Amino acid sequence: MIGTEQYVAIKILKEEFLRRDQDSILSVHNEITILKNLQHAGIISMYEYGDAGQVLKPSGRIIDNLVFIVMEFVQGGLLFDLCQTMGAMGEDAGRYFLHQIIDSMEYMHNKKVVHRDLKLENILVTDNLDLKIADFGFACYKSIDHLTSYRGTMTYMAPEIKENKAYKGKQVDMFSIGVIIFIIVQGIFPFKEARKEEYFYNLLLEGKYDTYFQKVNGNGLSEEFKDLILRFFSYNGDQRPTIEQIKSHPWMNSPTFDFEATRQTLLSNLASKQQRQSQQAPMEQMTKPVKVKRAAAMV
C-alpha cells in the first residue's frame, strides 16, 4: 500500500463490464458491501475501494474513472494451482483444508453471507498453506434461505440451481465444498456436473455407490470419507451436512490426524514436486493434459 512496504492486490473493473448489464453492477456492489463486513483470517481482506481509479498505460495513455477494489495480496496463489501441482493429496490433506474452509464458512454463514461460487479458483493459498476465500461477486447476504438466481460454476453447482428451483444458500455452499474436498483428496472431479443425465452423478442418485467409487478410483477411501462425501453430494439439499454435523463427523475427528503435522507433510511434498518440475521443465517443451481444468462461472 502507498506509504508502506505492504503488497496489495488491486481488482480493476473495466467500464464495458459495468455497462454490460445490471447484474454486473450488482455483483460489484455485492462484493464491496460484503467484504466491508467480513474480517476473518480465512477470508480475503478488502482495504479500500473507489470509482475514481486511474491507470497509466505503457503507451502513455491515461484511463480515468475506473472502479477498483484494493485487497490483501496472497503470495502463494490459487488452490487450483496447488491441486494441479500436487494431484491427489489424500484424506489427511482433505481434513486439513476442510477444517479451514469450515471455519471460514461458519463465520460467513453466521453473518448471513453465502458465497454461491466456491471453487478451486476462488480460494487462495498462502505460502504456509493457509486458505483464504475470495471473489464474492456472486455472494449474497441477509436473505439467503429462498434464492432463485442462477449462480455458480457448472461442476461445483448444486442440482437445485441447475434445475431452476428455489434454494437455500448454505446448502449450495455445502455442495460446492464437497466437490472441492473430493478434488483435494482424489485429484479428479467427482463428476462433470450434478445432473441426472450425467453418468457419474446418476450412479450416486441410483445408490450405486460401490460402482461409483470403483469408477473414480476410490476403492481405497475410508468408509468415513465416503459417508461424508455422499452427504455433501445429496440431491436433496436438506440432506447435506450442516457445519456442526461436519465438525462432529467421525472422518473429521480421526484420532490419527494432526493438523500441524499434516501442514508440514504437505509443505515438504509440495517442495519436492516443485523441485522435480523445475528440473524437468527445461527438457519438456510439450504440454500435458491435466485432470483439473479451470471452470468458468455462470451468470
Protein backbone atom coordinates (compact mmCIF):
# COMPACT_ATOMS: atom_id res chain seq x y z
CA MET A 1 0.00 0.00 0.00
CA ILE A 2 1.11 3.61 -0.58
CA GLY A 3 3.39 4.74 2.21
CA THR A 4 4.08 1.22 3.42
CA GLU A 5 6.05 -1.83 2.31
CA GLN A 6 2.90 -3.94 2.14
CA TYR A 7 1.93 -5.53 -1.16
CA VAL A 8 -1.71 -5.44 -2.20
CA ALA A 9 -3.88 -6.87 -4.97
CA ILE A 10 -5.94 -4.38 -6.99
CA LYS A 11 -9.06 -5.52 -8.80
CA ILE A 12 -9.94 -3.11 -11.60
CA LEU A 13 -13.36 -3.28 -13.24
CA LYS A 14 -13.47 -2.41 -16.91
CA GLU A 15 -16.10 0.10 -17.94
CA GLU A 16 -17.54 -2.30 -20.54
CA PHE A 17 -18.09 -4.88 -17.76
CA LEU A 18 -20.06 -2.39 -15.68
CA ARG A 19 -22.08 -1.29 -18.72
CA ARG A 20 -22.90 -4.87 -19.71
CA ASP A 21 -26.00 -5.31 -17.56
CA GLN A 22 -27.49 -4.62 -14.15
CA ASP A 23 -26.24 -7.95 -12.77
CA SER A 24 -22.64 -6.92 -13.43
CA ILE A 25 -23.07 -3.70 -11.46
CA LEU A 26 -24.86 -5.56 -8.68
CA SER A 27 -22.04 -8.10 -8.39
CA VAL A 28 -19.52 -5.31 -7.79
CA HIS A 29 -21.71 -3.63 -5.17
CA ASN A 30 -22.30 -7.02 -3.54
CA GLU A 31 -18.60 -7.80 -3.31
CA ILE A 32 -17.76 -4.42 -1.78
CA THR A 33 -20.67 -4.45 0.68
CA ILE A 34 -19.92 -8.00 1.82
CA LEU A 35 -16.14 -7.64 2.11
CA LYS A 36 -16.59 -4.44 4.15
CA ASN A 37 -18.35 -6.50 6.80
CA LEU A 38 -16.14 -9.59 6.87
CA GLN A 39 -12.98 -9.75 8.97
CA HIS A 40 -11.65 -13.28 9.24
CA ALA A 41 -8.22 -14.84 8.75
CA GLY A 42 -9.67 -17.30 6.23
CA ILE A 43 -11.34 -14.64 4.06
CA ILE A 44 -9.55 -12.18 1.80
CA SER A 45 -9.40 -8.68 3.32
CA MET A 46 -10.51 -5.54 1.50
CA TYR A 47 -8.54 -2.38 2.34
CA GLU A 48 -10.26 0.25 0.24
CA TYR A 49 -12.34 0.83 -2.89
CA GLY A 50 -13.45 3.65 -5.14
CA ASP A 51 -14.69 4.75 -8.55
CA ALA A 52 -12.03 7.31 -9.44
CA GLY A 53 -9.14 5.00 -10.22
CA GLN A 54 -6.56 5.97 -12.79
CA VAL A 55 -4.28 3.73 -14.86
CA LEU A 56 -1.28 4.87 -16.88
CA LYS A 57 -0.80 2.56 -19.87
CA PRO A 58 2.72 1.75 -21.21
CA SER A 59 1.77 3.78 -24.27
CA GLY A 60 1.29 6.85 -22.08
CA ARG A 61 -2.50 6.83 -22.38
CA ILE A 62 -4.34 7.52 -19.13
CA ILE A 63 -7.62 5.78 -18.30
CA ASP A 64 -9.70 7.60 -15.71
CA ASN A 65 -12.74 6.89 -13.53
CA LEU A 66 -12.09 3.20 -13.02
CA VAL A 67 -13.86 1.23 -10.32
CA PHE A 68 -11.26 -0.52 -8.17
CA ILE A 69 -11.02 -2.69 -5.08
CA VAL A 70 -7.76 -2.87 -3.09
CA MET A 71 -7.40 -6.23 -1.37
CA GLU A 72 -4.97 -8.33 0.58
CA PHE A 73 -2.20 -9.84 -1.53
CA VAL A 74 -1.66 -13.58 -1.06
CA GLN A 75 1.78 -14.80 -2.11
CA GLY A 76 1.03 -18.49 -2.60
CA GLY A 77 -1.53 -18.43 -5.44
CA LEU A 78 -4.72 -20.39 -6.09
CA LEU A 79 -5.91 -23.65 -4.58
CA PHE A 80 -6.45 -24.64 -8.22
CA ASP A 81 -2.71 -24.35 -8.88
CA LEU A 82 -1.86 -26.31 -5.75
CA CYS A 83 -4.16 -29.15 -6.82
CA GLN A 84 -2.62 -29.21 -10.28
CA THR A 85 0.86 -29.43 -8.81
CA MET A 86 0.09 -31.96 -6.10
CA GLY A 87 -2.53 -34.21 -7.71
CA ALA A 88 -4.34 -36.49 -5.25
CA MET A 89 -3.32 -35.36 -1.76
CA GLY A 90 -5.17 -37.95 0.30
CA GLU A 91 -7.59 -37.87 3.20
CA ASP A 92 -5.42 -36.10 5.78
CA ALA A 93 -4.95 -33.22 3.32
CA GLY A 94 -8.73 -33.20 2.86
CA ARG A 95 -9.19 -32.90 6.61
CA TYR A 96 -6.53 -30.20 6.82
CA PHE A 97 -8.16 -27.99 4.20
CA LEU A 98 -11.76 -28.77 5.19
CA HIS A 99 -11.09 -27.64 8.77
CA GLN A 100 -10.02 -24.28 7.37
CA ILE A 101 -12.87 -23.94 4.90
CA ILE A 102 -15.47 -24.83 7.50
CA ASP A 103 -14.05 -22.32 9.97
CA SER A 104 -14.39 -19.56 7.36
CA MET A 105 -17.82 -20.69 6.21
CA GLU A 106 -19.15 -20.88 9.76
CA TYR A 107 -18.12 -17.24 10.25
CA MET A 108 -19.70 -16.22 6.92
CA HIS A 109 -22.93 -18.12 7.44
CA ASN A 110 -23.31 -16.71 10.95
CA LYS A 111 -23.05 -13.28 9.30
CA LYS A 112 -25.86 -14.32 6.92
CA VAL A 113 -23.49 -14.39 3.93
CA VAL A 114 -23.37 -17.19 1.38
CA HIS A 115 -20.76 -17.38 -1.38
CA ARG A 116 -22.53 -19.31 -4.20
CA ASP A 117 -19.38 -19.74 -6.28
CA LEU A 118 -16.98 -21.72 -4.13
CA LYS A 119 -14.39 -23.44 -6.31
CA LEU A 120 -10.64 -24.06 -6.51
CA GLU A 121 -10.11 -20.83 -8.46
CA ASN A 122 -11.83 -18.71 -5.80
CA ILE A 123 -9.73 -19.90 -2.87
CA LEU A 124 -6.24 -18.52 -2.33
CA VAL A 125 -3.41 -20.37 -0.59
CA THR A 126 -0.60 -18.72 1.35
CA ASP A 127 2.97 -19.98 1.27
CA ASN A 128 2.19 -21.68 4.58
CA LEU A 129 -0.87 -23.47 3.12
CA ASP A 130 -3.46 -21.33 4.87
CA LEU A 131 -6.62 -20.82 2.82
CA LYS A 132 -8.38 -17.54 2.10
CA ILE A 133 -11.78 -17.45 0.39
CA ALA A 134 -12.05 -14.78 -2.31
CA ASP A 135 -14.22 -13.46 -5.17
CA PHE A 136 -17.56 -12.55 -3.61
CA GLY A 137 -19.17 -11.27 -6.81
CA PHE A 138 -21.91 -13.95 -6.70
CA ALA A 139 -22.34 -13.85 -2.92
CA CYS A 140 -25.47 -12.60 -1.23
CA TYR A 141 -26.38 -11.60 2.31
CA LYS A 142 -29.27 -11.32 4.76
CA SER A 143 -31.95 -13.07 2.64
CA ILE A 144 -30.17 -16.37 1.99
CA ASP A 145 -32.82 -19.07 2.52
CA HIS A 146 -35.02 -18.63 -0.57
CA LEU A 147 -32.82 -17.82 -3.54
CA THR A 148 -33.64 -18.20 -7.22
CA SER A 149 -30.76 -16.62 -9.17
CA TYR A 150 -28.77 -18.91 -11.44
CA ARG A 151 -25.31 -18.52 -9.93
CA GLY A 152 -22.16 -20.60 -9.67
CA THR A 153 -19.83 -22.70 -11.81
CA MET A 154 -21.15 -25.82 -13.55
CA THR A 155 -19.03 -28.56 -11.97
CA TYR A 156 -19.44 -27.12 -8.46
CA MET A 157 -23.10 -26.16 -8.79
CA ALA A 158 -25.81 -27.87 -6.74
CA PRO A 159 -28.54 -29.64 -8.74
CA GLU A 160 -31.34 -27.41 -7.48
CA ILE A 161 -29.69 -24.37 -9.09
CA LYS A 162 -29.31 -26.21 -12.41
CA GLU A 163 -33.00 -27.14 -12.29
CA ASN A 164 -34.01 -23.51 -11.64
CA LYS A 165 -35.55 -24.34 -8.28
CA ALA A 166 -35.60 -22.08 -5.25
CA TYR A 167 -32.68 -22.99 -3.00
CA LYS A 168 -31.05 -22.31 0.36
CA GLY A 169 -27.71 -20.55 0.14
CA LYS A 170 -25.97 -22.52 2.88
CA GLN A 171 -26.92 -25.81 1.25
CA VAL A 172 -25.49 -24.92 -2.16
CA ASP A 173 -22.26 -23.79 -0.49
CA MET A 174 -22.04 -27.22 1.15
CA PHE A 175 -22.40 -28.96 -2.21
CA SER A 176 -19.55 -26.92 -3.67
CA ILE A 177 -17.35 -27.64 -0.66
CA GLY A 178 -17.90 -31.35 -1.25
CA VAL A 179 -16.62 -31.04 -4.82
CA ILE A 180 -13.55 -29.12 -3.61
CA ILE A 181 -12.68 -31.67 -0.93
CA PHE A 182 -13.14 -34.59 -3.33
CA ILE A 183 -10.67 -32.99 -5.76
CA ILE A 184 -8.15 -32.40 -2.98
CA VAL A 185 -8.36 -36.00 -1.81
CA GLN A 186 -8.60 -37.76 -5.19
CA GLY A 187 -7.05 -35.34 -7.66
CA ILE A 188 -10.01 -35.52 -10.07
CA PHE A 189 -13.51 -34.08 -10.29
CA PRO A 190 -16.24 -36.30 -8.80
CA PHE A 191 -18.45 -35.74 -11.88
CA LYS A 192 -18.76 -33.28 -14.75
CA GLU A 193 -21.87 -31.74 -13.27
CA ALA A 194 -24.69 -32.68 -10.93
CA ARG A 195 -27.37 -33.63 -13.45
CA LYS A 196 -29.44 -36.79 -13.59
CA GLU A 197 -28.23 -37.31 -17.16
CA GLU A 198 -24.56 -37.23 -16.16
CA TYR A 199 -23.14 -40.75 -15.79
CA PHE A 200 -21.20 -40.39 -12.54
CA TYR A 201 -23.73 -38.27 -10.66
CA ASN A 202 -26.50 -40.59 -11.80
CA LEU A 203 -24.66 -43.51 -10.17
CA LEU A 204 -24.99 -41.63 -6.89
CA LEU A 205 -28.66 -40.86 -7.47
CA GLU A 206 -29.34 -44.54 -8.15
CA GLY A 207 -27.48 -45.59 -5.00
CA LYS A 208 -24.79 -47.47 -6.93
CA TYR A 209 -22.10 -46.32 -4.54
CA ASP A 210 -19.72 -49.25 -4.94
CA THR A 211 -19.73 -48.80 -8.71
CA TYR A 212 -19.26 -45.06 -8.36
CA PHE A 213 -16.23 -45.31 -6.08
CA GLN A 214 -14.73 -48.00 -8.27
CA LYS A 215 -15.08 -45.74 -11.33
CA VAL A 216 -13.42 -42.77 -9.58
CA ASN A 217 -10.51 -44.84 -8.24
CA GLY A 218 -11.94 -44.60 -4.75
CA ASN A 219 -11.78 -48.20 -3.54
CA GLY A 220 -9.05 -47.27 -1.06
CA LEU A 221 -11.03 -44.44 0.51
CA SER A 222 -12.15 -44.83 4.11
CA GLU A 223 -15.80 -45.59 4.85
CA GLU A 224 -15.97 -42.40 6.94
CA PHE A 225 -14.86 -40.29 4.00
CA LYS A 226 -17.30 -41.98 1.65
CA ASP A 227 -20.14 -41.36 4.09
CA LEU A 228 -19.36 -37.65 4.44
CA ILE A 229 -18.77 -37.02 0.73
CA LEU A 230 -22.04 -38.74 -0.21
CA ARG A 231 -23.84 -36.41 2.18
CA PHE A 232 -22.20 -33.40 0.54
CA PHE A 233 -23.41 -34.63 -2.85
CA SER A 234 -27.01 -35.29 -1.78
CA TYR A 235 -29.55 -34.35 -4.42
CA ASN A 236 -31.83 -33.04 -1.67
CA GLY A 237 -30.24 -30.01 -0.07
CA ASP A 238 -31.90 -30.76 3.27
CA GLN A 239 -29.85 -33.97 3.45
CA ARG A 240 -26.49 -32.24 3.09
CA PRO A 241 -24.49 -31.83 6.28
CA THR A 242 -24.61 -28.64 8.30
CA ILE A 243 -21.38 -27.12 9.54
CA GLU A 244 -21.98 -28.57 13.01
CA GLN A 245 -22.53 -32.03 11.53
CA ILE A 246 -19.32 -31.74 9.52
CA LYS A 247 -17.33 -30.68 12.59
CA SER A 248 -18.64 -33.63 14.61
CA HIS A 249 -18.36 -36.22 11.81
CA PRO A 250 -16.04 -39.18 12.60
CA TRP A 251 -13.94 -38.51 9.49
CA MET A 252 -13.11 -35.01 10.71
CA ASN A 253 -12.18 -36.34 14.14
CA SER A 254 -9.80 -39.11 13.17
CA PRO A 255 -7.57 -39.90 16.20
CA THR A 256 -4.52 -40.15 13.91
CA PHE A 257 -4.96 -36.73 12.30
CA ASP A 258 -2.60 -33.94 13.39
CA PHE A 259 -3.26 -30.54 11.79
CA GLU A 260 0.26 -29.09 12.05
CA ALA A 261 1.97 -32.36 11.20
CA THR A 262 -0.17 -32.56 8.05
CA ARG A 263 0.79 -29.00 7.13
CA GLN A 264 4.47 -29.88 7.36
CA THR A 265 3.99 -33.06 5.32
CA LEU A 266 2.15 -31.15 2.60
CA LEU A 267 4.78 -28.40 2.53
CA SER A 268 7.53 -30.99 2.20
CA ASN A 269 5.69 -32.84 -0.60
CA LEU A 270 4.98 -29.56 -2.39
CA ALA A 271 8.63 -28.50 -2.26
CA SER A 272 9.70 -31.88 -3.66
CA LYS A 273 7.19 -31.73 -6.50
CA GLN A 274 8.11 -28.14 -7.37
CA GLN A 275 11.79 -29.04 -7.44
CA ARG A 276 11.19 -32.00 -9.73
CA GLN A 277 9.02 -29.89 -12.02
CA SER A 278 11.64 -27.13 -12.24
CA GLN A 279 14.28 -29.70 -13.15
CA GLN A 280 12.07 -31.28 -15.81
CA ALA A 281 10.76 -28.02 -17.30
CA PRO A 282 13.80 -27.21 -19.48
CA MET A 283 13.65 -30.68 -21.02
CA GLU A 284 9.90 -30.72 -21.64
CA GLN A 285 8.52 -28.35 -24.26
CA MET A 286 5.30 -30.30 -24.81
CA THR A 287 2.25 -29.65 -22.66
CA LYS A 288 0.50 -32.48 -20.86
CA PRO A 289 -3.25 -32.87 -20.31
CA VAL A 290 -4.35 -32.12 -16.75
CA LYS A 291 -7.09 -33.71 -14.72
CA VAL A 292 -8.35 -30.49 -13.19
CA LYS A 293 -9.23 -27.64 -15.53
CA ARG A 294 -10.36 -24.12 -14.83
CA ALA A 295 -14.11 -23.71 -14.80
CA ALA A 296 -15.95 -20.54 -15.73
CA ALA A 297 -18.72 -19.14 -13.58
CA MET A 298 -22.25 -18.96 -14.95
CA VAL A 299 -24.30 -15.78 -14.65
